[in-house]
């Protein structure tokens, strides 16, 4: 039965129910009478039963949907046992000429050696050692040795002066003139009696050799 027939059937039942309900009270086969309410209940029951029967017939006529099988996962291709890694060619840098400067004047790695006419090492045998610790007023000695590490001879009369920082020597440092110094020559300065300052902290006394290429210094800590 299609949907059009279904609705026509229901319409006919409803029309019949309306006409029957309008004629009540009615008389039953045994001679008793029923009122309009009882008639309506009977009609509703009949309509419900008819609709249920019709729904059963419609369900039986509709073809059942066939379940679509779910495809199984396709296995992934097997990976090769060994994976080849490209060889990396190392980058080789050509050696460059090495240059050295400052006090030592030495070359490195067979490169070009850079030398200076005027150069020095002012820390030979220096006392006190850098960052030596003293209490305020503690006595100590100041001394160091200057070496000519350049290629030129220093003429006699190069002055070594106190340049900066507190003068910690007891007698007060006075300018000292150095003798002639050939390359490799050394000159000792001091020792001078000195006293740690009263102020706590890091204290540096610097010296300057004429020409400004050599800077001896003394650095201590006052605790």
N, C-alpha and C. Protein backbone atom coordinates (compact mmCIF):
# COMPACT_ATOMS: atom_id res chain seq x y z
N UNK A 1 0.87 -1.20 0.00
CA UNK A 1 0.00 0.00 0.00
C UNK A 1 0.89 1.23 0.00
N UNK A 2 0.69 2.18 -0.92
CA UNK A 2 1.53 3.37 -0.97
C UNK A 2 1.00 4.42 0.00
N UNK A 3 1.75 5.54 0.06
CA UNK A 3 1.42 6.58 1.04
C UNK A 3 0.07 7.22 0.74
N UNK A 4 -0.28 7.34 -0.56
CA UNK A 4 -1.56 7.96 -0.90
C UNK A 4 -2.72 7.11 -0.39
N UNK A 5 -2.61 5.80 -0.58
CA UNK A 5 -3.66 4.91 -0.10
C UNK A 5 -3.76 4.95 1.42
N UNK A 6 -2.55 5.10 2.06
CA UNK A 6 -2.54 5.15 3.54
C UNK A 6 -3.35 6.33 4.03
N UNK A 7 -3.07 7.51 3.46
CA UNK A 7 -3.78 8.70 3.95
C UNK A 7 -5.27 8.65 3.60
N UNK A 8 -5.61 8.05 2.48
CA UNK A 8 -7.04 7.92 2.13
C UNK A 8 -7.77 7.00 3.10
N UNK A 9 -7.10 5.93 3.48
CA UNK A 9 -7.69 5.01 4.44
C UNK A 9 -7.95 5.67 5.77
N UNK A 10 -6.95 6.42 6.26
CA UNK A 10 -7.10 7.11 7.55
C UNK A 10 -8.21 8.14 7.46
N UNK A 11 -8.30 8.84 6.33
CA UNK A 11 -9.34 9.87 6.18
C UNK A 11 -10.75 9.26 6.24
N UNK A 12 -10.88 8.12 5.60
CA UNK A 12 -12.19 7.46 5.62
C UNK A 12 -12.58 7.06 7.03
N UNK A 13 -11.62 6.56 7.79
CA UNK A 13 -11.91 6.16 9.18
C UNK A 13 -12.32 7.35 10.01
N UNK A 14 -11.58 8.48 9.84
CA UNK A 14 -11.90 9.67 10.63
C UNK A 14 -13.28 10.22 10.28
N UNK A 15 -13.61 10.19 8.96
CA UNK A 15 -14.94 10.67 8.57
C UNK A 15 -16.03 9.78 9.15
N UNK A 16 -15.78 8.46 9.11
CA UNK A 16 -16.77 7.54 9.67
C UNK A 16 -16.92 7.75 11.16
N UNK A 17 -15.80 8.01 11.85
CA UNK A 17 -15.85 8.25 13.30
C UNK A 17 -16.65 9.50 13.59
N UNK A 18 -16.48 10.50 12.74
CA UNK A 18 -17.22 11.74 12.98
C UNK A 18 -18.73 11.53 12.80
N UNK A 19 -19.08 10.79 11.76
CA UNK A 19 -20.51 10.56 11.51
C UNK A 19 -21.13 9.70 12.58
N UNK A 20 -20.40 8.69 13.05
CA UNK A 20 -20.92 7.82 14.09
C UNK A 20 -21.10 8.57 15.40
N UNK A 21 -20.11 9.38 15.72
CA UNK A 21 -20.19 10.11 17.00
C UNK A 21 -21.35 11.09 16.98
N UNK A 22 -21.71 11.56 15.78
CA UNK A 22 -22.82 12.52 15.70
C UNK A 22 -24.17 11.84 15.88
N UNK A 23 -24.24 10.51 15.68
CA UNK A 23 -25.51 9.79 15.78
C UNK A 23 -25.77 9.19 17.15
N UNK A 24 -24.74 9.23 18.02
CA UNK A 24 -24.91 8.64 19.37
C UNK A 24 -25.71 9.58 20.25
N UNK A 25 -26.48 9.05 21.27
CA UNK A 25 -26.43 7.66 21.74
C UNK A 25 -27.01 6.68 20.74
N UNK A 26 -26.31 5.48 20.65
CA UNK A 26 -26.73 4.40 19.73
C UNK A 26 -27.01 3.15 20.51
N UNK A 27 -27.64 2.24 19.80
CA UNK A 27 -28.05 1.00 20.46
C UNK A 27 -27.17 -0.13 19.99
N UNK A 28 -26.68 -0.96 20.93
CA UNK A 28 -25.82 -2.09 20.60
C UNK A 28 -26.67 -3.28 20.23
N UNK A 29 -26.01 -4.42 19.85
CA UNK A 29 -26.73 -5.63 19.41
C UNK A 29 -27.51 -6.27 20.53
N UNK A 30 -27.11 -6.06 21.78
CA UNK A 30 -27.83 -6.67 22.92
C UNK A 30 -28.95 -5.77 23.43
N UNK A 31 -29.15 -4.65 22.74
CA UNK A 31 -30.23 -3.76 23.14
C UNK A 31 -29.81 -2.61 24.03
N UNK A 32 -28.60 -2.62 24.53
CA UNK A 32 -28.14 -1.51 25.40
C UNK A 32 -27.69 -0.35 24.53
N UNK A 33 -27.58 0.79 25.13
CA UNK A 33 -27.16 2.00 24.39
C UNK A 33 -25.76 2.44 24.87
N UNK A 34 -25.00 3.14 23.97
CA UNK A 34 -23.70 3.75 24.35
C UNK A 34 -23.76 5.22 24.01
N UNK A 35 -23.10 5.95 24.80
CA UNK A 35 -23.10 7.40 24.57
C UNK A 35 -21.99 7.79 23.60
N UNK A 36 -21.85 9.08 23.35
CA UNK A 36 -20.87 9.59 22.38
C UNK A 36 -19.44 9.36 22.83
N UNK A 37 -19.19 9.48 24.14
CA UNK A 37 -17.82 9.29 24.65
C UNK A 37 -17.37 7.87 24.43
N UNK A 38 -18.25 6.90 24.75
CA UNK A 38 -17.90 5.49 24.58
C UNK A 38 -17.70 5.18 23.10
N UNK A 39 -18.51 5.77 22.27
CA UNK A 39 -18.37 5.56 20.83
C UNK A 39 -17.03 6.09 20.33
N UNK A 40 -16.61 7.25 20.84
CA UNK A 40 -15.33 7.85 20.42
C UNK A 40 -14.17 6.97 20.82
N UNK A 41 -14.25 6.36 22.03
CA UNK A 41 -13.19 5.48 22.48
C UNK A 41 -13.07 4.26 21.57
N UNK A 42 -14.27 3.71 21.18
CA UNK A 42 -14.26 2.56 20.29
C UNK A 42 -13.66 2.91 18.93
N UNK A 43 -14.00 4.07 18.43
CA UNK A 43 -13.48 4.51 17.14
C UNK A 43 -11.95 4.72 17.20
N UNK A 44 -11.45 5.36 18.30
CA UNK A 44 -10.01 5.58 18.45
C UNK A 44 -9.25 4.27 18.48
N UNK A 45 -9.86 3.29 19.18
CA UNK A 45 -9.22 1.98 19.24
C UNK A 45 -9.16 1.35 17.86
N UNK A 46 -10.25 1.43 17.12
CA UNK A 46 -10.28 0.87 15.77
C UNK A 46 -9.28 1.55 14.85
N UNK A 47 -9.18 2.87 14.95
CA UNK A 47 -8.22 3.62 14.13
C UNK A 47 -6.81 3.21 14.45
N UNK A 48 -6.48 3.07 15.76
CA UNK A 48 -5.13 2.69 16.17
C UNK A 48 -4.78 1.32 15.63
N UNK A 49 -5.70 0.37 15.74
CA UNK A 49 -5.45 -0.97 15.24
C UNK A 49 -5.24 -0.97 13.73
N UNK A 50 -6.04 -0.19 13.00
CA UNK A 50 -5.90 -0.11 11.55
C UNK A 50 -4.54 0.47 11.15
N UNK A 51 -4.14 1.50 11.85
CA UNK A 51 -2.85 2.14 11.54
C UNK A 51 -1.68 1.21 11.84
N UNK A 52 -1.79 0.48 12.96
CA UNK A 52 -0.73 -0.47 13.29
C UNK A 52 -0.61 -1.55 12.24
N UNK A 53 -1.75 -2.07 11.79
CA UNK A 53 -1.73 -3.11 10.76
C UNK A 53 -1.14 -2.57 9.47
N UNK A 54 -1.52 -1.36 9.12
CA UNK A 54 -0.99 -0.76 7.90
C UNK A 54 0.51 -0.53 7.99
N UNK A 55 1.01 -0.10 9.17
CA UNK A 55 2.45 0.12 9.34
C UNK A 55 3.22 -1.17 9.19
N UNK A 56 2.62 -2.28 9.69
CA UNK A 56 3.27 -3.58 9.56
C UNK A 56 3.39 -3.97 8.10
N UNK A 57 2.32 -3.76 7.32
CA UNK A 57 2.36 -4.08 5.90
C UNK A 57 3.39 -3.24 5.16
N UNK A 58 3.49 -1.94 5.47
CA UNK A 58 4.47 -1.06 4.80
C UNK A 58 5.89 -1.48 5.11
N UNK A 59 6.15 -1.84 6.40
CA UNK A 59 7.50 -2.25 6.78
C UNK A 59 7.90 -3.52 6.07
N UNK A 60 6.91 -4.45 5.87
CA UNK A 60 7.23 -5.71 5.20
C UNK A 60 7.54 -5.49 3.74
N UNK A 61 6.94 -4.45 3.11
CA UNK A 61 7.15 -4.21 1.68
C UNK A 61 8.42 -3.42 1.38
N UNK A 62 9.05 -2.78 2.38
CA UNK A 62 10.26 -1.99 2.14
C UNK A 62 11.46 -2.91 2.11
N UNK A 63 12.25 -2.92 1.05
CA UNK A 63 13.44 -3.79 1.00
C UNK A 63 14.44 -3.41 2.09
N UNK A 64 15.02 -4.47 2.68
CA UNK A 64 16.00 -4.24 3.75
C UNK A 64 17.33 -3.80 3.14
N UNK A 65 17.91 -2.80 3.79
CA UNK A 65 19.20 -2.30 3.31
C UNK A 65 20.30 -3.31 3.59
N UNK A 66 21.11 -3.52 2.59
CA UNK A 66 22.23 -4.47 2.73
C UNK A 66 23.45 -3.72 3.27
N UNK A 67 24.02 -4.25 4.33
CA UNK A 67 25.19 -3.60 4.94
C UNK A 67 26.38 -3.65 3.99
N UNK A 68 27.03 -2.52 3.80
CA UNK A 68 28.19 -2.45 2.92
C UNK A 68 29.43 -2.89 3.70
N UNK A 69 30.14 -3.89 3.22
CA UNK A 69 31.34 -4.34 3.96
C UNK A 69 32.38 -3.23 4.03
N UNK A 70 33.04 -3.14 5.17
CA UNK A 70 34.09 -2.13 5.38
C UNK A 70 35.39 -2.66 4.82
N UNK A 71 36.00 -1.93 3.91
CA UNK A 71 37.25 -2.45 3.34
C UNK A 71 38.32 -2.60 4.40
N UNK A 72 39.07 -3.64 4.29
CA UNK A 72 40.18 -3.86 5.24
C UNK A 72 41.36 -2.98 4.87
N UNK A 73 42.23 -2.69 5.84
CA UNK A 73 43.40 -1.86 5.61
C UNK A 73 44.38 -2.56 4.68
N UNK A 74 44.85 -1.82 3.71
CA UNK A 74 45.85 -2.39 2.81
C UNK A 74 47.20 -2.38 3.49
N UNK A 75 47.85 -3.52 3.60
CA UNK A 75 49.15 -3.53 4.30
C UNK A 75 50.16 -2.63 3.62
N UNK A 76 50.93 -1.90 4.45
CA UNK A 76 51.95 -0.99 3.92
C UNK A 76 53.10 -1.81 3.36
N UNK A 77 53.73 -1.32 2.30
CA UNK A 77 54.88 -2.05 1.74
C UNK A 77 56.00 -2.13 2.76
N UNK A 78 56.66 -3.23 2.78
CA UNK A 78 57.75 -3.44 3.73
C UNK A 78 58.91 -2.52 3.39
N UNK A 79 59.52 -1.92 4.45
CA UNK A 79 60.66 -1.03 4.27
C UNK A 79 61.91 -1.86 4.03
N UNK A 80 62.83 -1.35 3.27
CA UNK A 80 64.08 -2.10 3.07
C UNK A 80 64.83 -2.24 4.39
N UNK A 81 65.52 -3.36 4.50
CA UNK A 81 66.25 -3.63 5.76
C UNK A 81 67.32 -2.59 6.01
N UNK A 82 68.03 -2.15 4.99
CA UNK A 82 69.11 -1.18 5.14
C UNK A 82 68.80 0.05 4.31
N UNK A 83 68.92 1.23 4.91
CA UNK A 83 68.70 2.49 4.22
C UNK A 83 70.05 3.12 3.92
N UNK A 84 70.28 3.45 2.69
CA UNK A 84 71.56 4.03 2.32
C UNK A 84 71.60 5.49 2.73
N UNK A 85 72.67 5.90 3.42
CA UNK A 85 72.88 7.28 3.84
C UNK A 85 73.95 7.89 2.96
N UNK A 86 73.66 9.04 2.36
CA UNK A 86 74.69 9.64 1.48
C UNK A 86 75.93 10.00 2.26
N UNK A 87 77.07 9.76 1.66
CA UNK A 87 78.34 10.08 2.31
C UNK A 87 78.58 11.57 2.27
N UNK A 88 78.95 12.13 3.43
CA UNK A 88 79.21 13.57 3.51
C UNK A 88 80.70 13.80 3.32
N UNK A 89 81.03 14.63 2.35
CA UNK A 89 82.43 14.93 2.10
C UNK A 89 82.90 16.00 3.05
N UNK A 90 83.93 15.73 3.87
CA UNK A 90 84.38 16.75 4.83
C UNK A 90 84.93 17.97 4.13
N UNK A 91 84.66 19.14 4.75
CA UNK A 91 85.16 20.39 4.21
C UNK A 91 86.53 20.66 4.80
N UNK A 92 87.52 20.75 3.95
CA UNK A 92 88.90 20.97 4.40
C UNK A 92 89.27 22.40 4.08
N UNK A 93 89.63 23.14 5.13
CA UNK A 93 90.02 24.54 4.96
C UNK A 93 91.53 24.63 4.82
N UNK A 94 91.96 25.44 3.89
CA UNK A 94 93.40 25.62 3.73
C UNK A 94 93.94 26.45 4.87
N UNK A 95 95.09 26.08 5.43
CA UNK A 95 95.66 26.84 6.55
C UNK A 95 96.04 28.24 6.11
N UNK A 96 95.80 29.18 7.04
CA UNK A 96 96.16 30.57 6.75
C UNK A 96 97.36 30.96 7.59
N UNK A 97 97.98 32.00 7.20
CA UNK A 97 99.17 32.45 7.93
C UNK A 97 98.76 32.96 9.28
N UNK A 98 99.45 32.52 10.31
CA UNK A 98 99.17 32.94 11.68
C UNK A 98 100.08 34.08 12.05
N UNK A 99 99.49 35.07 12.72
CA UNK A 99 100.28 36.21 13.15
C UNK A 99 100.20 36.32 14.65
N UNK A 100 101.31 36.62 15.28
CA UNK A 100 101.33 36.80 16.73
C UNK A 100 101.91 38.15 17.04
N UNK A 101 101.41 38.76 18.10
CA UNK A 101 101.89 40.07 18.47
C UNK A 101 102.06 40.17 19.96
N UNK A 102 102.31 41.37 20.43
CA UNK A 102 102.45 41.59 21.87
C UNK A 102 103.83 41.26 22.35
N UNK A 103 103.90 40.90 23.64
CA UNK A 103 105.18 40.74 24.31
C UNK A 103 106.01 39.63 23.76
N UNK A 104 105.41 38.42 23.48
CA UNK A 104 106.22 37.27 23.13
C UNK A 104 106.86 37.40 21.78
N UNK A 105 106.11 37.90 20.77
CA UNK A 105 106.66 38.08 19.46
C UNK A 105 106.88 36.77 18.73
N UNK A 106 106.36 35.62 19.23
CA UNK A 106 106.59 34.33 18.61
C UNK A 106 105.53 34.02 17.58
N UNK A 107 105.86 33.13 16.60
CA UNK A 107 104.93 32.74 15.58
C UNK A 107 104.21 31.48 15.99
N UNK A 108 103.17 31.11 15.24
CA UNK A 108 102.42 29.90 15.57
C UNK A 108 102.09 29.12 14.33
N UNK A 109 102.26 27.79 14.41
CA UNK A 109 101.85 26.90 13.34
C UNK A 109 102.58 27.11 12.04
N UNK A 110 103.82 27.65 12.08
CA UNK A 110 104.57 27.85 10.86
C UNK A 110 104.07 29.00 10.02
N UNK A 111 103.15 29.85 10.59
CA UNK A 111 102.62 30.97 9.83
C UNK A 111 103.58 32.15 9.87
N UNK A 112 103.06 33.26 9.37
CA UNK A 112 103.87 34.47 9.34
C UNK A 112 104.09 35.00 10.75
N UNK A 113 105.30 35.29 11.08
CA UNK A 113 105.66 35.81 12.40
C UNK A 113 105.65 37.33 12.34
N UNK A 114 104.83 37.94 13.20
CA UNK A 114 104.74 39.39 13.25
C UNK A 114 105.52 39.87 14.46
N UNK A 115 106.45 40.74 14.25
CA UNK A 115 107.26 41.27 15.35
C UNK A 115 107.08 42.78 15.41
N UNK A 116 107.41 43.35 16.59
CA UNK A 116 107.29 44.77 16.83
C UNK A 116 108.64 45.32 17.28
N UNK A 117 108.98 46.50 16.78
CA UNK A 117 110.26 47.08 17.23
C UNK A 117 110.28 47.31 18.73
N UNK A 118 109.17 47.83 19.26
CA UNK A 118 109.09 48.10 20.69
C UNK A 118 107.99 47.24 21.31
N UNK A 119 108.40 46.34 22.19
CA UNK A 119 107.47 45.48 22.92
C UNK A 119 108.15 45.04 24.20
N UNK A 120 107.34 44.70 25.20
CA UNK A 120 107.94 44.34 26.48
C UNK A 120 107.11 43.33 27.22
N UNK A 121 107.73 42.67 28.18
CA UNK A 121 107.04 41.81 29.15
C UNK A 121 107.33 42.40 30.52
N UNK A 122 106.29 43.01 31.16
CA UNK A 122 106.54 43.69 32.43
C UNK A 122 106.24 42.85 33.66
N UNK A 123 105.92 41.57 33.49
CA UNK A 123 105.43 40.77 34.62
C UNK A 123 106.43 39.73 35.12
N UNK A 124 107.65 39.80 34.70
CA UNK A 124 108.62 38.80 35.14
C UNK A 124 108.96 39.02 36.61
N UNK A 125 108.78 37.95 37.40
CA UNK A 125 109.12 38.03 38.83
C UNK A 125 108.33 39.07 39.60
N UNK A 126 107.11 39.38 39.15
CA UNK A 126 106.33 40.44 39.80
C UNK A 126 105.86 40.02 41.18
N UNK A 127 105.97 40.95 42.12
CA UNK A 127 105.44 40.79 43.48
C UNK A 127 104.79 42.10 43.88
N UNK A 128 103.62 42.03 44.50
CA UNK A 128 102.88 40.82 44.85
C UNK A 128 102.20 40.22 43.61
N UNK A 129 101.77 38.96 43.74
CA UNK A 129 101.01 38.35 42.66
C UNK A 129 99.68 39.10 42.50
N UNK A 130 99.13 39.02 41.29
CA UNK A 130 97.83 39.66 41.05
C UNK A 130 96.78 39.12 42.01
N UNK A 131 95.95 40.03 42.55
CA UNK A 131 94.84 39.72 43.45
C UNK A 131 95.30 39.16 44.80
N UNK A 132 96.53 39.45 45.19
CA UNK A 132 96.95 39.08 46.54
C UNK A 132 96.11 39.85 47.55
N UNK A 133 95.78 39.21 48.67
CA UNK A 133 94.87 39.81 49.65
C UNK A 133 95.64 40.29 50.88
N UNK A 134 95.28 41.51 51.31
CA UNK A 134 95.90 42.12 52.49
C UNK A 134 94.82 42.81 53.31
N UNK A 135 95.15 43.02 54.58
CA UNK A 135 94.28 43.82 55.42
C UNK A 135 94.76 45.28 55.35
N UNK A 136 93.89 46.23 55.65
CA UNK A 136 94.32 47.63 55.62
C UNK A 136 95.57 47.85 56.48
N UNK A 137 96.59 48.49 55.89
CA UNK A 137 97.82 48.79 56.61
C UNK A 137 98.85 47.67 56.58
N UNK A 138 98.54 46.50 55.97
CA UNK A 138 99.53 45.43 55.89
C UNK A 138 100.70 45.86 55.01
N UNK A 139 101.94 45.49 55.40
CA UNK A 139 103.12 45.83 54.58
C UNK A 139 103.34 44.76 53.50
N UNK A 140 103.90 45.16 52.39
CA UNK A 140 104.30 44.23 51.34
C UNK A 140 105.33 44.94 50.46
N UNK A 141 105.96 44.18 49.56
CA UNK A 141 106.98 44.72 48.66
C UNK A 141 106.46 44.76 47.24
N UNK A 142 106.89 45.80 46.50
CA UNK A 142 106.57 45.93 45.08
C UNK A 142 107.86 45.78 44.29
N UNK A 143 107.84 44.84 43.34
CA UNK A 143 108.98 44.68 42.44
C UNK A 143 108.52 43.95 41.17
N UNK A 144 109.22 44.20 40.09
CA UNK A 144 108.95 43.51 38.82
C UNK A 144 110.15 43.70 37.91
N UNK A 145 110.21 42.91 36.85
CA UNK A 145 111.31 42.98 35.89
C UNK A 145 110.73 43.21 34.51
N UNK A 146 111.31 44.17 33.78
CA UNK A 146 110.87 44.49 32.42
C UNK A 146 111.85 43.85 31.44
N UNK A 147 111.30 43.14 30.45
CA UNK A 147 112.13 42.54 29.40
C UNK A 147 111.78 43.18 28.06
N UNK A 148 112.81 43.49 27.27
CA UNK A 148 112.61 44.00 25.92
C UNK A 148 112.34 42.80 25.00
N UNK A 149 111.08 42.64 24.59
CA UNK A 149 110.71 41.53 23.72
C UNK A 149 110.53 41.98 22.27
N UNK A 150 110.93 43.21 21.94
CA UNK A 150 110.82 43.71 20.58
C UNK A 150 112.08 43.45 19.78
N UNK A 151 112.16 44.08 18.63
CA UNK A 151 113.31 43.92 17.73
C UNK A 151 114.23 45.13 17.73
N UNK A 152 113.82 46.21 18.37
CA UNK A 152 114.63 47.44 18.40
C UNK A 152 115.29 47.61 19.76
N UNK A 153 116.41 48.30 19.76
CA UNK A 153 117.11 48.62 21.00
C UNK A 153 116.52 49.89 21.59
N UNK A 154 116.25 49.85 22.89
CA UNK A 154 115.75 51.04 23.57
C UNK A 154 116.97 51.88 23.98
N UNK A 155 116.98 53.13 23.58
CA UNK A 155 118.10 53.97 24.00
C UNK A 155 118.06 54.25 25.50
N UNK A 156 119.15 54.54 26.08
CA UNK A 156 119.21 54.85 27.51
C UNK A 156 118.35 56.08 27.79
N UNK A 157 117.66 56.07 28.94
CA UNK A 157 116.92 57.25 29.35
C UNK A 157 115.39 57.10 29.20
N UNK A 158 114.90 55.91 28.78
CA UNK A 158 113.44 55.73 28.77
C UNK A 158 112.95 55.82 30.20
N UNK A 159 111.97 56.71 30.45
CA UNK A 159 111.46 56.93 31.79
C UNK A 159 110.29 56.00 32.11
N UNK A 160 110.31 55.48 33.34
CA UNK A 160 109.20 54.68 33.87
C UNK A 160 108.52 55.53 34.94
N UNK A 161 107.25 55.91 34.73
CA UNK A 161 106.57 56.82 35.63
C UNK A 161 105.35 56.13 36.25
N UNK A 162 104.92 56.68 37.41
CA UNK A 162 103.65 56.26 38.01
C UNK A 162 102.53 56.90 37.20
N UNK A 163 101.60 56.05 36.68
CA UNK A 163 100.60 56.58 35.76
C UNK A 163 99.24 56.76 36.42
N UNK A 164 98.74 55.75 37.16
CA UNK A 164 97.40 55.86 37.73
C UNK A 164 97.29 54.98 38.97
N UNK A 165 96.20 55.20 39.72
CA UNK A 165 95.97 54.44 40.94
C UNK A 165 96.77 55.02 42.09
N UNK A 166 96.45 54.58 43.31
CA UNK A 166 97.17 55.11 44.47
C UNK A 166 98.62 54.67 44.49
N UNK A 167 99.50 55.57 44.89
CA UNK A 167 100.92 55.23 45.07
C UNK A 167 101.04 54.53 46.42
N UNK A 168 101.24 53.21 46.40
CA UNK A 168 101.28 52.44 47.65
C UNK A 168 102.68 52.31 48.22
N UNK A 169 103.69 52.88 47.52
CA UNK A 169 105.06 52.82 48.07
C UNK A 169 105.16 53.76 49.27
N UNK A 170 105.92 53.35 50.26
CA UNK A 170 106.00 54.14 51.50
C UNK A 170 106.73 55.46 51.27
N UNK A 171 107.80 55.44 50.46
CA UNK A 171 108.61 56.65 50.25
C UNK A 171 108.08 57.48 49.10
N UNK A 172 107.08 56.97 48.39
CA UNK A 172 106.57 57.69 47.22
C UNK A 172 107.41 57.35 46.01
N UNK A 173 106.79 56.86 45.01
CA UNK A 173 107.53 56.43 43.83
C UNK A 173 108.02 57.65 43.06
N UNK A 174 109.30 57.61 42.64
CA UNK A 174 109.85 58.66 41.79
C UNK A 174 110.21 58.06 40.43
N UNK A 175 110.16 58.89 39.40
CA UNK A 175 110.42 58.42 38.04
C UNK A 175 111.78 57.76 37.97
N UNK A 176 111.83 56.61 37.30
CA UNK A 176 113.08 55.85 37.15
C UNK A 176 113.42 55.80 35.66
N UNK A 177 114.68 56.10 35.33
CA UNK A 177 115.15 56.05 33.94
C UNK A 177 115.84 54.72 33.68
N UNK A 178 115.50 54.07 32.59
CA UNK A 178 116.07 52.77 32.26
C UNK A 178 117.35 52.96 31.45
N UNK A 179 118.28 52.04 31.59
CA UNK A 179 119.49 52.09 30.76
C UNK A 179 119.17 51.62 29.34
N UNK A 180 120.17 51.65 28.45
CA UNK A 180 119.97 51.12 27.11
C UNK A 180 119.61 49.64 27.21
N UNK A 181 118.62 49.23 26.45
CA UNK A 181 118.17 47.84 26.51
C UNK A 181 118.02 47.28 25.10
N UNK A 182 118.87 46.28 24.77
CA UNK A 182 118.79 45.61 23.49
C UNK A 182 117.68 44.55 23.54
N UNK A 183 117.26 44.06 22.40
CA UNK A 183 116.24 43.00 22.41
C UNK A 183 116.67 41.83 23.29
N UNK A 184 115.78 41.41 24.19
CA UNK A 184 116.05 40.32 25.12
C UNK A 184 116.63 40.78 26.44
N UNK A 185 117.01 42.07 26.57
CA UNK A 185 117.59 42.57 27.81
C UNK A 185 116.49 42.75 28.86
N UNK A 186 116.90 42.67 30.16
CA UNK A 186 115.95 42.81 31.26
C UNK A 186 116.45 43.86 32.25
N UNK A 187 115.45 44.53 32.89
CA UNK A 187 115.78 45.53 33.89
C UNK A 187 114.83 45.34 35.07
N UNK A 188 115.38 45.23 36.28
CA UNK A 188 114.58 45.03 37.50
C UNK A 188 114.22 46.36 38.12
N UNK A 189 112.99 46.47 38.57
CA UNK A 189 112.47 47.66 39.22
C UNK A 189 112.08 47.28 40.64
N UNK A 190 112.59 48.06 41.63
CA UNK A 190 112.31 47.74 43.03
C UNK A 190 113.40 46.86 43.63
N UNK A 191 113.10 46.25 44.78
CA UNK A 191 111.81 46.31 45.50
C UNK A 191 111.61 47.64 46.25
N UNK A 192 110.31 47.97 46.40
CA UNK A 192 109.91 49.14 47.16
C UNK A 192 109.06 48.67 48.33
N UNK A 193 109.29 49.27 49.49
CA UNK A 193 108.41 49.01 50.62
C UNK A 193 107.06 49.67 50.37
N UNK A 194 105.98 48.91 50.62
CA UNK A 194 104.64 49.44 50.35
C UNK A 194 103.71 49.04 51.48
N UNK A 195 102.57 49.73 51.55
CA UNK A 195 101.55 49.48 52.58
C UNK A 195 100.18 49.42 51.92
N UNK A 196 99.37 48.44 52.33
CA UNK A 196 98.02 48.32 51.79
C UNK A 196 97.17 49.51 52.21
N UNK A 197 96.35 50.05 51.31
CA UNK A 197 95.52 51.21 51.64
C UNK A 197 94.52 50.89 52.74
N UNK A 198 94.00 51.97 53.38
CA UNK A 198 92.98 51.79 54.42
C UNK A 198 91.63 51.43 53.81
N UNK A 199 91.40 51.87 52.58
CA UNK A 199 90.12 51.59 51.95
C UNK A 199 90.08 50.14 51.45
N UNK A 200 88.99 49.44 51.77
CA UNK A 200 88.85 48.06 51.34
C UNK A 200 88.39 48.02 49.88
N UNK A 201 88.82 46.96 49.20
CA UNK A 201 88.42 46.79 47.82
C UNK A 201 89.59 46.44 46.94
N UNK A 202 89.34 46.52 45.62
CA UNK A 202 90.35 46.17 44.63
C UNK A 202 91.17 47.42 44.31
N UNK A 203 92.50 47.33 44.42
CA UNK A 203 93.37 48.48 44.23
C UNK A 203 94.44 48.15 43.19
N UNK A 204 94.62 49.06 42.21
CA UNK A 204 95.60 48.87 41.15
C UNK A 204 96.48 50.11 41.05
N UNK A 205 97.79 49.86 41.04
CA UNK A 205 98.77 50.93 40.81
C UNK A 205 99.46 50.62 39.49
N UNK A 206 99.37 51.54 38.51
CA UNK A 206 99.93 51.29 37.19
C UNK A 206 101.13 52.19 36.92
N UNK A 207 102.03 51.68 36.06
CA UNK A 207 103.22 52.40 35.63
C UNK A 207 103.20 52.49 34.10
N UNK A 208 103.94 53.47 33.57
CA UNK A 208 104.01 53.65 32.12
C UNK A 208 105.45 53.90 31.72
N UNK A 209 105.91 53.11 30.72
CA UNK A 209 107.24 53.33 30.18
C UNK A 209 107.15 54.32 29.04
N UNK A 210 108.12 55.21 28.95
CA UNK A 210 108.13 56.23 27.90
C UNK A 210 107.91 55.59 26.53
N UNK A 211 107.01 56.16 25.76
CA UNK A 211 106.63 55.61 24.46
C UNK A 211 105.27 54.95 24.51
N UNK A 212 104.80 54.59 25.73
CA UNK A 212 103.46 54.04 25.89
C UNK A 212 103.29 52.63 25.37
N UNK A 213 104.34 51.84 25.26
CA UNK A 213 104.22 50.46 24.79
C UNK A 213 104.45 49.44 25.90
N UNK A 214 104.68 49.90 27.14
CA UNK A 214 104.93 48.98 28.24
C UNK A 214 104.24 49.52 29.49
N UNK A 215 103.38 48.66 30.11
CA UNK A 215 102.53 49.11 31.21
C UNK A 215 102.62 48.14 32.39
N UNK A 216 103.61 48.23 33.21
CA UNK A 216 103.64 47.41 34.43
C UNK A 216 102.52 47.84 35.39
N UNK A 217 102.10 46.93 36.28
CA UNK A 217 101.06 47.27 37.25
C UNK A 217 101.15 46.34 38.46
N UNK A 218 100.50 46.77 39.55
CA UNK A 218 100.36 45.97 40.77
C UNK A 218 98.88 45.99 41.14
N UNK A 219 98.31 44.81 41.36
CA UNK A 219 96.86 44.71 41.67
C UNK A 219 96.68 43.85 42.91
N UNK A 220 96.05 44.43 43.97
CA UNK A 220 95.82 43.70 45.21
C UNK A 220 94.38 43.89 45.66
N UNK A 221 93.96 43.05 46.64
CA UNK A 221 92.65 43.17 47.26
C UNK A 221 92.85 43.48 48.73
N UNK A 222 92.16 44.53 49.21
CA UNK A 222 92.20 44.91 50.62
C UNK A 222 90.92 44.42 51.27
N UNK A 223 91.03 43.57 52.29
CA UNK A 223 89.86 42.98 52.95
C UNK A 223 89.60 43.64 54.30
